PDB file of N, CA and C in Angstrom:
ATOM      1  N   MET A   1      30.393 -42.533  19.702  1.00  0.00           N
ATOM      2  CA  MET A   1      29.057 -43.486  20.736  1.00  0.00           C
ATOM      3  C   MET A   1      28.698 -44.145  18.910  1.00  0.00           C
ATOM      4  N   ARG A   2      28.705 -44.714  18.261  1.00  0.00           N
ATOM      5  CA  ARG A   2      28.174 -45.138  17.384  1.00  0.00           C
ATOM      6  C   ARG A   2      26.509 -44.972  17.144  1.00  0.00           C
ATOM      7  N   PHE A   3      26.058 -45.947  18.496  1.00  0.00           N
ATOM      8  CA  PHE A   3      24.770 -45.789  18.332  1.00  0.00           C
ATOM      9  C   PHE A   3      24.005 -44.683  18.883  1.00  0.00           C
ATOM     10  N   LEU A   4      24.487 -43.693  19.433  1.00  0.00           N
ATOM     11  CA  LEU A   4      24.123 -42.271  19.402  1.00  0.00           C
ATOM     12  C   LEU A   4      24.164 -41.645  17.937  1.00  0.00           C
ATOM     13  N   ASN A   5      24.872 -42.171  17.363  1.00  0.00           N
ATOM     14  CA  ASN A   5      25.455 -41.020  15.775  1.00  0.00           C
ATOM     15  C   ASN A   5      24.516 -41.085  15.087  1.00  0.00           C
ATOM     16  N   TYR A   6      23.644 -40.810  15.757  1.00  0.00           N
ATOM     17  CA  TYR A   6      22.208 -40.624  14.349  1.00  0.00           C
ATOM     18  C   TYR A   6      22.767 -39.357  13.595  1.00  0.00           C
ATOM     19  N   ASN A   7      22.603 -39.357  12.718  1.00  0.00           N
ATOM     20  CA  ASN A   7      22.548 -38.258  11.332  1.00  0.00           C
ATOM     21  C   ASN A   7      21.525 -37.502  10.981  1.00  0.00           C
ATOM     22  N   ILE A   8      21.711 -36.299  10.710  1.00  0.00           N
ATOM     23  CA  ILE A   8      20.752 -34.876  10.313  1.00  0.00           C
ATOM     24  C   ILE A   8      19.878 -35.655   9.627  1.00  0.00           C
ATOM     25  N   ASN A   9      19.114 -36.387   8.714  1.00  0.00           N
ATOM     26  CA  ASN A   9      18.962 -36.770   7.774  1.00  0.00           C
ATOM     27  C   ASN A   9      17.854 -37.913   8.510  1.00  0.00           C
ATOM     28  N   MET A  10      18.060 -38.156  10.036  1.00  0.00           N
ATOM     29  CA  MET A  10      17.885 -39.634  10.149  1.00  0.00           C
ATOM     30  C   MET A  10      16.311 -39.005  10.759  1.00  0.00           C
ATOM     31  N   ASN A  11      15.273 -39.831  10.603  1.00  0.00           N
ATOM     32  CA  ASN A  11      14.166 -39.625  11.066  1.00  0.00           C
ATOM     33  C   ASN A  11      13.557 -39.374  12.335  1.00  0.00           C
ATOM     34  N   ASN A  12      12.551 -38.058  12.653  1.00  0.00           N
ATOM     35  CA  ASN A  12      12.106 -37.745  13.808  1.00  0.00           C
ATOM     36  C   ASN A  12      11.328 -39.536  15.044  1.00  0.00           C
ATOM     37  N   GLU A  13      11.050 -40.640  14.231  1.00  0.00           N
ATOM     38  CA  GLU A  13      10.229 -41.881  14.248  1.00  0.00           C
ATOM     39  C   GLU A  13      11.682 -42.728  15.439  1.00  0.00           C
ATOM     40  N   LYS A  14      12.442 -42.433  14.445  1.00  0.00           N
ATOM     41  CA  LYS A  14      13.769 -43.499  14.479  1.00  0.00           C
ATOM     42  C   LYS A  14      14.496 -43.117  15.655  1.00  0.00           C
ATOM     43  N   ILE A  15      14.482 -41.576  16.177  1.00  0.00           N
ATOM     44  CA  ILE A  15      14.712 -41.391  17.472  1.00  0.00           C
ATOM     45  C   ILE A  15      13.696 -41.413  18.465  1.00  0.00           C
ATOM     46  N   TYR A  16      12.924 -41.246  18.513  1.00  0.00           N
ATOM     47  CA  TYR A  16      11.389 -41.771  19.572  1.00  0.00           C
ATOM     48  C   TYR A  16      11.020 -42.868  19.279  1.00  0.00           C
ATOM     49  N   ASN A  17      12.238 -43.584  18.992  1.00  0.00           N
ATOM     50  CA  ASN A  17      11.658 -45.130  19.289  1.00  0.00           C
ATOM     51  C   ASN A  17      13.010 -45.840  19.895  1.00  0.00           C
ATOM     52  N   LEU A  18      13.928 -45.180  19.570  1.00  0.00           N
ATOM     53  CA  LEU A  18      15.006 -45.543  20.487  1.00  0.00           C
ATOM     54  C   LEU A  18      14.321 -45.675  21.963  1.00  0.00           C
ATOM     55  N   ASN A  19      15.543 -47.271  21.823  1.00  0.00           N
ATOM     56  CA  ASN A  19      15.029 -47.480  23.440  1.00  0.00           C
ATOM     57  C   ASN A  19      15.695 -47.106  25.256  1.00  0.00           C
ATOM     58  N   PHE A  20      14.921 -45.970  25.652  1.00  0.00           N
ATOM     59  CA  PHE A  20      15.718 -45.201  26.354  1.00  0.00           C
ATOM     60  C   PHE A  20      16.646 -45.708  27.419  1.00  0.00           C
ATOM     61  N   THR A  21      16.479 -47.465  28.159  1.00  0.00           N
ATOM     62  CA  THR A  21      17.713 -48.366  28.633  1.00  0.00           C
ATOM     63  C   THR A  21      18.877 -48.617  28.035  1.00  0.00           C
ATOM     64  N   LYS A  22      18.777 -47.886  27.005  1.00  0.00           N
ATOM     65  CA  LYS A  22      19.971 -48.954  25.728  1.00  0.00           C
ATOM     66  C   LYS A  22      20.371 -47.486  26.033  1.00  0.00           C
ATOM     67  N   VAL A  23      19.889 -46.550  25.510  1.00  0.00           N
ATOM     68  CA  VAL A  23      20.702 -45.269  25.237  1.00  0.00           C
ATOM     69  C   VAL A  23      21.772 -44.552  26.886  1.00  0.00           C
ATOM     70  N   TYR A  24      20.582 -45.022  27.892  1.00  0.00           N
ATOM     71  CA  TYR A  24      21.582 -44.615  28.864  1.00  0.00           C
ATOM     72  C   TYR A  24      22.714 -45.825  29.376  1.00  0.00           C
ATOM     73  N   GLN A  25      22.590 -46.852  29.215  1.00  0.00           N
ATOM     74  CA  GLN A  25      23.515 -47.336  29.422  1.00  0.00           C
ATOM     75  C   GLN A  25      24.723 -47.216  28.494  1.00  0.00           C
ATOM     76  N   LEU A  26      24.232 -47.223  27.116  1.00  0.00           N
ATOM     77  CA  LEU A  26      25.646 -46.268  25.974  1.00  0.00           C
ATOM     78  C   LEU A  26      26.426 -44.888  26.701  1.00  0.00           C
ATOM     79  N   LEU A  27      25.362 -43.943  27.032  1.00  0.00           N
ATOM     80  CA  LEU A  27      25.904 -43.010  28.084  1.00  0.00           C
ATOM     81  C   LEU A  27      27.034 -43.004  28.358  1.00  0.00           C
ATOM     82  N   VAL A  28      27.296 -44.006  30.017  1.00  0.00           N
ATOM     83  CA  VAL A  28      26.760 -44.393  31.117  1.00  0.00           C
ATOM     84  C   VAL A  28      27.876 -45.097  30.567  1.00  0.00           C
ATOM     85  N   GLU A  29      28.165 -46.304  29.305  1.00  0.00           N
ATOM     86  CA  GLU A  29      30.122 -46.526  29.713  1.00  0.00           C
ATOM     87  C   GLU A  29      30.716 -45.363  28.392  1.00  0.00           C
ATOM     88  N   LYS A  30      29.964 -44.356  27.693  1.00  0.00           N
ATOM     89  CA  LYS A  30      30.520 -43.574  27.584  1.00  0.00           C
ATOM     90  C   LYS A  30      31.909 -42.593  27.855  1.00  0.00           C
ATOM     91  N   ILE A  31      31.012 -42.198  29.282  1.00  0.00           N
ATOM     92  CA  ILE A  31      31.205 -41.653  30.725  1.00  0.00           C
ATOM     93  C   ILE A  31      32.847 -41.921  31.355  1.00  0.00           C
ATOM     94  N   ALA A  32      32.364 -43.345  31.542  1.00  0.00           N
ATOM     95  CA  ALA A  32      32.633 -44.331  32.384  1.00  0.00           C
ATOM     96  C   ALA A  32      34.495 -44.305  32.102  1.00  0.00           C
ATOM     97  N   ARG A  33      34.237 -43.892  30.651  1.00  0.00           N
ATOM     98  CA  ARG A  33      35.901 -44.023  29.808  1.00  0.00           C
ATOM     99  C   ARG A  33      36.529 -42.970  29.764  1.00  0.00           C
ATOM    100  N   LYS A  34      36.292 -42.351  30.795  1.00  0.00           N
ATOM    101  CA  LYS A  34      37.481 -40.812  31.148  1.00  0.00           C
ATOM    102  C   LYS A  34      36.861 -40.687  32.675  1.00  0.00           C
ATOM    103  N   GLY A  35      36.528 -42.222  33.354  1.00  0.00           N
ATOM    104  CA  GLY A  35      36.832 -42.065  35.022  1.00  0.00           C
ATOM    105  C   GLY A  35      35.720 -41.928  35.460  1.00  0.00           C
ATOM    106  N   LYS A  36      34.671 -41.129  34.972  1.00  0.00           N
ATOM    107  CA  LYS A  36      32.871 -40.415  35.326  1.00  0.00           C
ATOM    108  C   LYS A  36      32.333 -41.633  35.511  1.00  0.00           C
ATOM    109  N   SER A  37      30.931 -41.321  36.433  1.00  0.00           N
ATOM    110  CA  SER A  37      30.216 -42.159  36.684  1.00  0.00           C
ATOM    111  C   SER A  37      28.981 -41.966  36.237  1.00  0.00           C
ATOM    112  N   ALA A  38      28.093 -42.840  37.045  1.00  0.00           N
ATOM    113  CA  ALA A  38      26.884 -41.997  36.337  1.00  0.00           C
ATOM    114  C   ALA A  38      25.813 -41.532  36.819  1.00  0.00           C
ATOM    115  N   THR A  39      26.314 -41.349  38.006  1.00  0.00           N
ATOM    116  CA  THR A  39      25.712 -40.220  38.908  1.00  0.00           C
ATOM    117  C   THR A  39      25.295 -39.114  37.953  1.00  0.00           C
ATOM    118  N   GLU A  40      26.590 -38.768  36.925  1.00  0.00           N
ATOM    119  CA  GLU A  40      26.586 -37.622  36.698  1.00  0.00           C
ATOM    120  C   GLU A  40      25.256 -37.425  35.471  1.00  0.00           C
ATOM    121  N   ILE A  41      25.157 -38.291  34.861  1.00  0.00           N
ATOM    122  CA  ILE A  41      24.533 -39.052  33.967  1.00  0.00           C
ATOM    123  C   ILE A  41      22.805 -38.325  34.793  1.00  0.00           C
ATOM    124  N   ASP A  42      22.562 -39.445  35.913  1.00  0.00           N
ATOM    125  CA  ASP A  42      21.534 -39.014  37.002  1.00  0.00           C
ATOM    126  C   ASP A  42      21.102 -37.451  36.849  1.00  0.00           C
ATOM    127  N   ASP A  43      22.369 -36.958  37.360  1.00  0.00           N
ATOM    128  CA  ASP A  43      22.159 -35.049  37.538  1.00  0.00           C
ATOM    129  C   ASP A  43      21.754 -34.273  36.179  1.00  0.00           C
ATOM    130  N   VAL A  44      21.997 -34.650  35.470  1.00  0.00           N
ATOM    131  CA  VAL A  44      21.742 -34.326  33.742  1.00  0.00           C
ATOM    132  C   VAL A  44      20.563 -34.075  33.620  1.00  0.00           C
ATOM    133  N   ILE A  45      19.951 -35.771  33.817  1.00  0.00           N
ATOM    134  CA  ILE A  45      18.512 -36.529  33.354  1.00  0.00           C
ATOM    135  C   ILE A  45      17.430 -35.172  34.569  1.00  0.00           C
ATOM    136  N   THR A  46      17.976 -35.572  35.596  1.00  0.00           N
ATOM    137  CA  THR A  46      17.140 -34.892  36.848  1.00  0.00           C
ATOM    138  C   THR A  46      17.296 -33.315  36.135  1.00  0.00           C
ATOM    139  N   TRP A  47      18.163 -32.718  35.904  1.00  0.00           N
ATOM    140  CA  TRP A  47      17.736 -31.378  36.011  1.00  0.00           C
ATOM    141  C   TRP A  47      16.648 -31.144  34.688  1.00  0.00           C
ATOM    142  N   LEU A  48      17.377 -31.253  33.592  1.00  0.00           N
ATOM    143  CA  LEU A  48      16.336 -31.745  32.269  1.00  0.00           C
ATOM    144  C   LEU A  48      14.776 -31.878  32.809  1.00  0.00           C
ATOM    145  N   THR A  49      14.300 -33.165  33.311  1.00  0.00           N
ATOM    146  CA  THR A  49      13.165 -33.649  33.669  1.00  0.00           C
ATOM    147  C   THR A  49      12.288 -33.660  34.407  1.00  0.00           C
ATOM    148  N   GLY A  50      13.159 -32.950  35.831  1.00  0.00           N
ATOM    149  CA  GLY A  50      12.103 -33.983  36.880  1.00  0.00           C
ATOM    150  C   GLY A  50      12.301 -35.054  37.266  1.00  0.00           C
ATOM    151  N   TYR A  51      12.532 -36.310  36.758  1.00  0.00           N
ATOM    152  CA  TYR A  51      12.727 -37.319  37.559  1.00  0.00           C
ATOM    153  C   TYR A  51      13.663 -37.439  38.325  1.00  0.00           C
ATOM    154  N   THR A  52      12.933 -38.100  39.658  1.00  0.00           N
ATOM    155  CA  THR A  52      13.923 -38.317  40.843  1.00  0.00           C
ATOM    156  C   THR A  52      14.989 -39.171  40.714  1.00  0.00           C
ATOM    157  N   ASN A  53      16.177 -39.758  41.242  1.00  0.00           N
ATOM    158  CA  ASN A  53      16.750 -40.535  41.291  1.00  0.00           C
ATOM    159  C   ASN A  53      16.348 -41.595  41.173  1.00  0.00           C
ATOM    160  N   LYS A  54      15.649 -41.952  42.045  1.00  0.00           N
ATOM    161  CA  LYS A  54      14.978 -43.353  42.451  1.00  0.00           C
ATOM    162  C   LYS A  54      13.237 -43.827  40.931  1.00  0.00           C
ATOM    163  N   ASP A  55      13.239 -42.703  40.929  1.00  0.00           N
ATOM    164  CA  ASP A  55      12.410 -42.361  38.622  1.00  0.00           C
ATOM    165  C   ASP A  55      13.277 -43.397  38.367  1.00  0.00           C
ATOM    166  N   ILE A  56      14.023 -42.583  37.745  1.00  0.00           N
ATOM    167  CA  ILE A  56      15.285 -43.238  36.835  1.00  0.00           C
ATOM    168  C   ILE A  56      15.848 -44.403  37.352  1.00  0.00           C
ATOM    169  N   GLU A  57      15.750 -44.542  38.306  1.00  0.00           N
ATOM    170  CA  GLU A  57      16.215 -46.341  38.621  1.00  0.00           C
ATOM    171  C   GLU A  57      15.158 -47.053  38.314  1.00  0.00           C
ATOM    172  N   ALA A  58      13.799 -46.731  38.247  1.00  0.00           N
ATOM    173  CA  ALA A  58      12.318 -47.486  38.265  1.00  0.00           C
ATOM    174  C   ALA A  58      12.253 -47.732  36.379  1.00  0.00           C
ATOM    175  N   ILE A  59      12.735 -46.510  36.094  1.00  0.00           N
ATOM    176  CA  ILE A  59      12.892 -46.906  34.458  1.00  0.00           C
ATOM    177  C   ILE A  59      12.906 -47.600  33.570  1.00  0.00           C
ATOM    178  N   LEU A  60      14.426 -47.236  33.960  1.00  0.00           N
ATOM    179  CA  LEU A  60      15.599 -48.437  33.126  1.00  0.00           C
ATOM    180  C   LEU A  60      15.097 -50.080  33.365  1.00  0.00           C
ATOM    181  N   PHE A  61      14.005 -49.712  34.237  1.00  0.00           N
ATOM    182  CA  PHE A  61      13.744 -51.489  34.454  1.00  0.00           C
ATOM    183  C   PHE A  61      12.335 -52.011  33.268  1.00  0.00           C
ATOM    184  N   LYS A  62      11.937 -50.425  33.074  1.00  0.00           N
ATOM    185  CA  LYS A  62      10.931 -50.550  32.223  1.00  0.00           C
ATOM    186  C   LYS A  62      11.244 -50.391  30.919  1.00  0.00           C
ATOM    187  N   ASN A  63      10.573 -51.010  29.646  1.00  0.00           N
ATOM    188  CA  ASN A  63      10.433 -50.727  28.160  1.00  0.00           C
ATOM    189  C   ASN A  63      10.388 -49.388  27.472  1.00  0.00           C
ATOM    190  N   LEU A  64      11.098 -48.441  27.669  1.00  0.00           N
ATOM    191  CA  LEU A  64      10.222 -47.310  27.515  1.00  0.00           C
ATOM    192  C   LEU A  64      11.165 -46.184  25.999  1.00  0.00           C
ATOM    193  N   THR A  65      10.401 -46.132  25.259  1.00  0.00           N
ATOM    194  CA  THR A  65      10.887 -45.294  24.286  1.00  0.00           C
ATOM    195  C   THR A  65      12.038 -44.454  24.863  1.00  0.00           C
ATOM    196  N   TYR A  66      12.654 -43.589  24.087  1.00  0.00           N
ATOM    197  CA  TYR A  66      13.165 -41.784  24.382  1.00  0.00           C
ATOM    198  C   TYR A  66      12.278 -41.135  24.525  1.00  0.00           C
ATOM    199  N   LYS A  67      10.691 -41.341  23.361  1.00  0.00           N
ATOM    200  CA  LYS A  67       9.616 -40.440  23.063  1.00  0.00           C
ATOM    201  C   LYS A  67       8.976 -40.823  24.814  1.00  0.00           C
ATOM    202  N   GLU A  68       9.009 -41.639  24.955  1.00  0.00           N
ATOM    203  CA  GLU A  68       7.803 -42.269  26.082  1.00  0.00           C
ATOM    204  C   GLU A  68       8.562 -41.012  27.129  1.00  0.00           C
ATOM    205  N   PHE A  69       9.412 -41.594  27.488  1.00  0.00           N
ATOM    206  CA  PHE A  69      11.220 -41.308  28.858  1.00  0.00           C
ATOM    207  C   PHE A  69      10.272 -39.672  28.475  1.00  0.00           C
ATOM    208  N   LEU A  70      10.656 -39.324  27.726  1.00  0.00           N
ATOM    209  CA  LEU A  70      10.437 -37.717  27.884  1.00  0.00           C
ATOM    210  C   LEU A  70       9.381 -37.116  27.895  1.00  0.00           C
ATOM    211  N   ASP A  71       8.334 -37.867  27.264  1.00  0.00           N
ATOM    212  CA  ASP A  71       6.291 -37.249  27.286  1.00  0.00           C
ATOM    213  C   ASP A  71       5.902 -37.194  28.274  1.00  0.00           C
ATOM    214  N   ASN A  72       7.033 -38.071  28.864  1.00  0.00           N
ATOM    215  CA  ASN A  72       6.169 -38.836  30.573  1.00  0.00           C
ATOM    216  C   ASN A  72       6.892 -38.072  31.836  1.00  0.00           C
ATOM    217  N   ALA A  73       8.471 -37.172  31.340  1.00  0.00           N
ATOM    218  CA  ALA A  73       8.556 -36.133  32.499  1.00  0.00           C
ATOM    219  C   ALA A  73       7.954 -35.111  32.812  1.00  0.00           C
ATOM    220  N   PRO A  74       8.052 -35.463  34.450  1.00  0.00           N
ATOM    221  CA  PRO A  74       7.494 -34.755  35.524  1.00  0.00           C
ATOM    222  C   PRO A  74       7.647 -33.252  35.036  1.00  0.00           C
ATOM    223  N   LEU A  75       8.827 -32.549  35.077  1.00  0.00           N
ATOM    224  CA  LEU A  75       9.291 -31.633  34.950  1.00  0.00           C
ATOM    225  C   LEU A  75      10.618 -30.971  33.939  1.00  0.00           C
ATOM    226  N   ILE A  76       9.749 -30.115  33.344  1.00  0.00           N
ATOM    227  CA  ILE A  76      10.815 -30.114  32.225  1.00  0.00           C
ATOM    228  C   ILE A  76      11.641 -28.830  31.746  1.00  0.00           C
ATOM    229  N   ASN A  77      12.520 -28.624  32.380  1.00  0.00           N
ATOM    230  CA  ASN A  77      13.182 -27.501  32.491  1.00  0.00           C
ATOM    231  C   ASN A  77      13.384 -26.404  31.509  1.00  0.00           C
ATOM    232  N   GLU A  78      13.171 -25.456  31.807  1.00  0.00           N
ATOM    233  CA  GLU A  78      12.790 -24.725  30.668  1.00  0.00           C
ATOM    234  C   GLU A  78      14.632 -24.170  29.867  1.00  0.00           C
ATOM    235  N   LYS A  79      15.109 -24.056  31.120  1.00  0.00           N
ATOM    236  CA  LYS A  79      16.916 -23.710  30.859  1.00  0.00           C
ATOM    237  C   LYS A  79      17.163 -24.844  29.702  1.00  0.00           C
ATOM    238  N   TYR A  80      16.295 -25.575  29.316  1.00  0.00           N
ATOM    239  CA  TYR A  80      16.730 -26.601  28.228  1.00  0.00           C
ATOM    240  C   TYR A  80      17.011 -25.955  26.942  1.00  0.00           C
ATOM    241  N   LEU A  81      16.000 -24.346  26.302  1.00  0.00           N
ATOM    242  CA  LEU A  81      15.936 -24.132  25.753  1.00  0.00           C
ATOM    243  C   LEU A  81      17.117 -22.744  25.205  1.00  0.00           C
ATOM    244  N   LEU A  82      17.755 -22.690  26.221  1.00  0.00           N
ATOM    245  CA  LEU A  82      19.439 -22.158  26.580  1.00  0.00           C
ATOM    246  C   LEU A  82      21.158 -22.997  25.936  1.00  0.00           C
ATOM    247  N   ILE A  83      20.523 -23.786  26.630  1.00  0.00           N
ATOM    248  CA  ILE A  83      21.063 -25.239  25.594  1.00  0.00           C
ATOM    249  C   ILE A  83      21.863 -24.891  24.141  1.00  0.00           C
ATOM    250  N   LYS A  84      22.877 -24.339  23.479  1.00  0.00           N
ATOM    251  CA  LYS A  84      23.514 -24.256  22.348  1.00  0.00           C
ATOM    252  C   LYS A  84      25.065 -24.885  22.072  1.00  0.00           C
ATOM    253  N   GLY A  85      25.229 -25.026  20.802  1.00  0.00           N
ATOM    254  CA  GLY A  85      25.800 -25.950  20.502  1.00  0.00           C
ATOM    255  C   GLY A  85      25.701 -27.172  19.566  1.00  0.00           C
ATOM    256  N   SER A  86      26.261 -27.799  19.046  1.00  0.00           N
ATOM    257  CA  SER A  86      26.037 -28.893  17.637  1.00  0.00           C
ATOM    258  C   SER A  86      26.302 -30.092  18.810  1.00  0.00           C
ATOM    259  N   VAL A  87      25.503 -31.042  18.134  1.00  0.00           N
ATOM    260  CA  VAL A  87      25.470 -32.182  18.138  1.00  0.00           C
ATOM    261  C   VAL A  87      25.687 -33.268  16.881  1.00  0.00           C
ATOM    262  N   CYS A  88      26.419 -33.898  16.333  1.00  0.00           N
ATOM    263  CA  CYS A  88      26.072 -34.538  15.495  1.00  0.00           C
ATOM    264  C   CYS A  88      26.460 -33.796  13.954  1.00  0.00           C
ATOM    265  N   LYS A  89      27.164 -32.477  14.502  1.00  0.00           N
ATOM    266  CA  LYS A  89      27.055 -31.563  13.396  1.00  0.00           C
ATOM    267  C   LYS A  89      25.669 -30.874  12.756  1.00  0.00           C
ATOM    268  N   VAL A  90      24.373 -30.951  14.054  1.00  0.00           N
ATOM    269  CA  VAL A  90      22.865 -30.235  14.294  1.00  0.00           C
ATOM    270  C   VAL A  90      23.321 -29.695  15.134  1.00  0.00           C
ATOM    271  N   LYS A  91      23.248 -28.092  14.920  1.00  0.00           N
ATOM    272  CA  LYS A  91      22.920 -27.346  15.877  1.00  0.00           C
ATOM    273  C   LYS A  91      21.441 -27.471  16.411  1.00  0.00           C
ATOM    274  N   ILE A  92      21.415 -27.584  17.536  1.00  0.00           N
ATOM    275  CA  ILE A  92      20.392 -27.752  19.022  1.00  0.00           C
ATOM    276  C   ILE A  92      19.525 -26.733  18.910  1.00  0.00           C
ATOM    277  N   GLU A  93      20.201 -24.814  18.693  1.00  0.00           N
ATOM    278  CA  GLU A  93      19.143 -24.025  19.312  1.00  0.00           C
ATOM    279  C   GLU A  93      18.126 -23.930  17.554  1.00  0.00           C
ATOM    280  N   ASP A  94      18.729 -25.066  16.175  1.00  0.00           N
ATOM    281  CA  ASP A  94      17.302 -24.734  15.057  1.00  0.00           C
ATOM    282  C   ASP A  94      16.749 -26.176  15.118  1.00  0.00           C
ATOM    283  N   ILE A  95      16.989 -26.754  15.947  1.00  0.00           N
ATOM    284  CA  ILE A  95      15.894 -28.222  16.043  1.00  0.00           C
ATOM    285  C   ILE A  95      14.304 -27.700  16.524  1.00  0.00           C
ATOM    286  N   GLN A  96      13.361 -27.875  15.660  1.00  0.00           N
ATOM    287  CA  GLN A  96      12.663 -27.463  15.741  1.00  0.00           C
ATOM    288  C   GLN A  96      11.094 -28.497  16.819  1.00  0.00           C
ATOM    289  N   ASP A  97      12.026 -29.884  16.676  1.00  0.00           N
ATOM    290  CA  ASP A  97      11.008 -30.942  17.228  1.00  0.00           C
ATOM    291  C   ASP A  97      11.025 -31.500  18.434  1.00  0.00           C
ATOM    292  N   ARG A  98      10.847 -30.843  20.069  1.00  0.00           N
ATOM    293  CA  ARG A  98      10.744 -30.891  20.715  1.00  0.00           C
ATOM    294  C   ARG A  98      11.211 -31.635  21.585  1.00  0.00           C
ATOM    295  N   THR A  99      11.278 -32.992  21.313  1.00  0.00           N
ATOM    296  CA  THR A  99      12.010 -34.494  21.330  1.00  0.00           C
ATOM    297  C   THR A  99      13.147 -34.569  21.136  1.00  0.00           C
ATOM    298  N   VAL A 100      13.169 -34.412  19.694  1.00  0.00           N
ATOM    299  CA  VAL A 100      13.974 -34.706  19.209  1.00  0.00           C
ATOM    300  C   VAL A 100      15.449 -33.279  19.291  1.00  0.00           C
ATOM    301  N   ARG A 101      15.475 -32.217  20.014  1.00  0.00           N
ATOM    302  CA  ARG A 101      16.299 -31.010  20.856  1.00  0.00           C
ATOM    303  C   ARG A 101      16.392 -31.536  22.247  1.00  0.00           C
ATOM    304  N   LEU A 102      14.797 -32.340  22.934  1.00  0.00           N
ATOM    305  CA  LEU A 102      16.048 -33.219  24.426  1.00  0.00           C
ATOM    306  C   LEU A 102      16.727 -34.186  24.457  1.00  0.00           C
ATOM    307  N   VAL A 103      16.393 -34.480  23.380  1.00  0.00           N
ATOM    308  CA  VAL A 103      17.430 -35.443  23.214  1.00  0.00           C
ATOM    309  C   VAL A 103      18.985 -35.203  22.623  1.00  0.00           C
ATOM    310  N   ARG A 104      19.051 -34.038  21.674  1.00  0.00           N
ATOM    311  CA  ARG A 104      19.786 -33.672  21.452  1.00  0.00           C
ATOM    312  C   ARG A 104      20.542 -33.125  22.569  1.00  0.00           C
ATOM    313  N   CYS A 105      19.378 -32.373  23.528  1.00  0.00           N
ATOM    314  CA  CYS A 105      20.676 -31.234  24.950  1.00  0.00           C
ATOM    315  C   CYS A 105      20.909 -32.631  25.819  1.00  0.00           C
ATOM    316  N   ILE A 106      20.346 -33.990  25.638  1.00  0.00           N
ATOM    317  CA  ILE A 106      21.179 -34.826  26.711  1.00  0.00           C
ATOM    318  C   ILE A 106      22.163 -35.091  26.479  1.00  0.00           C
ATOM    319  N   ASP A 107      22.309 -35.455  25.232  1.00  0.00           N
ATOM    320  CA  ASP A 107      24.110 -35.687  24.053  1.00  0.00           C
ATOM    321  C   ASP A 107      24.552 -34.559  24.929  1.00  0.00           C
ATOM    322  N   LYS A 108      24.044 -33.722  24.279  1.00  0.00           N
ATOM    323  CA  LYS A 108      25.624 -32.029  24.297  1.00  0.00           C
ATOM    324  C   LYS A 108      26.234 -31.949  25.708  1.00  0.00           C
ATOM    325  N   MET A 109      25.007 -32.437  26.809  1.00  0.00           N
ATOM    326  CA  MET A 109      25.201 -32.690  28.021  1.00  0.00           C
ATOM    327  C   MET A 109      26.407 -33.382  28.549  1.00  0.00           C
ATOM    328  N   VAL A 110      25.964 -34.435  28.151  1.00  0.00           N
ATOM    329  CA  VAL A 110      26.772 -35.868  28.359  1.00  0.00           C
ATOM    330  C   VAL A 110      28.013 -35.647  27.857  1.00  0.00           C
ATOM    331  N   ASP A 111      28.287 -34.975  26.443  1.00  0.00           N
ATOM    332  CA  ASP A 111      29.325 -34.569  25.815  1.00  0.00           C
ATOM    333  C   ASP A 111      30.233 -33.466  26.319  1.00  0.00           C
ATOM    334  N   ASP A 112      29.798 -33.127  26.880  1.00  0.00           N
ATOM    335  CA  ASP A 112      30.081 -31.876  27.994  1.00  0.00           C
ATOM    336  C   ASP A 112      31.320 -32.547  29.063  1.00  0.00           C
ATOM    337  N   ILE A 113      30.319 -33.492  29.678  1.00  0.00           N
ATOM    338  CA  ILE A 113      30.727 -33.919  31.068  1.00  0.00           C
ATOM    339  C   ILE A 113      32.094 -34.937  30.469  1.00  0.00           C
ATOM    340  N   TYR A 114      31.903 -35.770  29.766  1.00  0.00           N
ATOM    341  CA  TYR A 114      33.069 -36.244  28.270  1.00  0.00           C
ATOM    342  C   TYR A 114      34.311 -35.300  28.322  1.00  0.00           C
ATOM    343  N   LYS A 115      34.255 -34.385  28.245  1.00  0.00           N
ATOM    344  CA  LYS A 115      34.868 -33.540  27.454  1.00  0.00           C
ATOM    345  C   LYS A 115      35.761 -33.163  29.064  1.00  0.00           C
ATOM    346  N   GLY A 116      34.863 -33.049  29.920  1.00  0.00           N
ATOM    347  CA  GLY A 116      35.873 -32.788  31.723  1.00  0.00           C
ATOM    348  C   GLY A 116      35.501 -31.925  32.116  1.00  0.00           C
ATOM    349  N   LYS A 117      33.986 -31.250  30.992  1.00  0.00           N
ATOM    350  CA  LYS A 117      33.959 -29.708  31.794  1.00  0.00           C
ATOM    351  C   LYS A 117      32.693 -30.445  33.385  1.00  0.00           C
ATOM    352  N   SER A 118      33.092 -29.606  34.295  1.00  0.00           N
ATOM    353  CA  SER A 118      32.266 -29.469  35.479  1.00  0.00           C
ATOM    354  C   SER A 118      30.223 -29.552  35.723  1.00  0.00           C
ATOM    355  N   LEU A 119      30.264 -30.288  36.018  1.00  0.00           N
ATOM    356  CA  LEU A 119      28.481 -30.577  36.382  1.00  0.00           C
ATOM    357  C   LEU A 119      27.502 -28.826  36.806  1.00  0.00           C
ATOM    358  N   ASP A 120      28.638 -28.660  37.475  1.00  0.00           N
ATOM    359  CA  ASP A 120      27.779 -27.474  38.243  1.00  0.00           C
ATOM    360  C   ASP A 120      27.776 -26.007  35.957  1.00  0.00           C
ATOM    361  N   SER A 121      29.088 -26.243  35.191  1.00  0.00           N
ATOM    362  CA  SER A 121      29.157 -25.462  34.711  1.00  0.00           C
ATOM    363  C   SER A 121      27.799 -25.722  33.405  1.00  0.00           C
ATOM    364  N   ILE A 122      27.598 -26.795  32.899  1.00  0.00           N
ATOM    365  CA  ILE A 122      26.460 -27.786  32.448  1.00  0.00           C
ATOM    366  C   ILE A 122      25.513 -27.289  32.896  1.00  0.00           C
ATOM    367  N   LEU A 123      25.080 -27.410  33.947  1.00  0.00           N
ATOM    368  CA  LEU A 123      23.764 -26.981  34.172  1.00  0.00           C
ATOM    369  C   LEU A 123      23.412 -26.102  34.336  1.00  0.00           C
ATOM    370  N   ASN A 124      24.446 -25.141  34.426  1.00  0.00           N
ATOM    371  CA  ASN A 124      23.942 -23.621  34.856  1.00  0.00           C
ATOM    372  C   ASN A 124      23.583 -22.684  33.279  1.00  0.00           C
ATOM    373  N   LYS A 125      23.838 -23.233  32.112  1.00  0.00           N
ATOM    374  CA  LYS A 125      23.766 -22.629  31.351  1.00  0.00           C
ATOM    375  C   LYS A 125      22.822 -21.504  31.146  1.00  0.00           C
TER     376      LYS A 125
END
């Protein structure tokens, strides 16, 4: 997924300013190639952010940046700090910026869905 394959040197502003709706669509397209549905993306997002499915549906019609989406999240699940691993050769646990770390956590959980891991195992890390 080339759009999300930002490299380690990409400054945070570029990540902050990614259009959330476009990113969401790319994530859905990615897992659809493995026969997975948008529901699994929604489950990851609701677990991480506290948004409801209705909230996500409404947000997709707004022109929010990824930073705005995450900054306005009702309740960030503190278990995101337990998510470990690498995305684009960057260790999630080494990321200091909260927004960038949350973006990478979403990327990692979607990668795990893509690889066939169960949603229960992903959300119970």
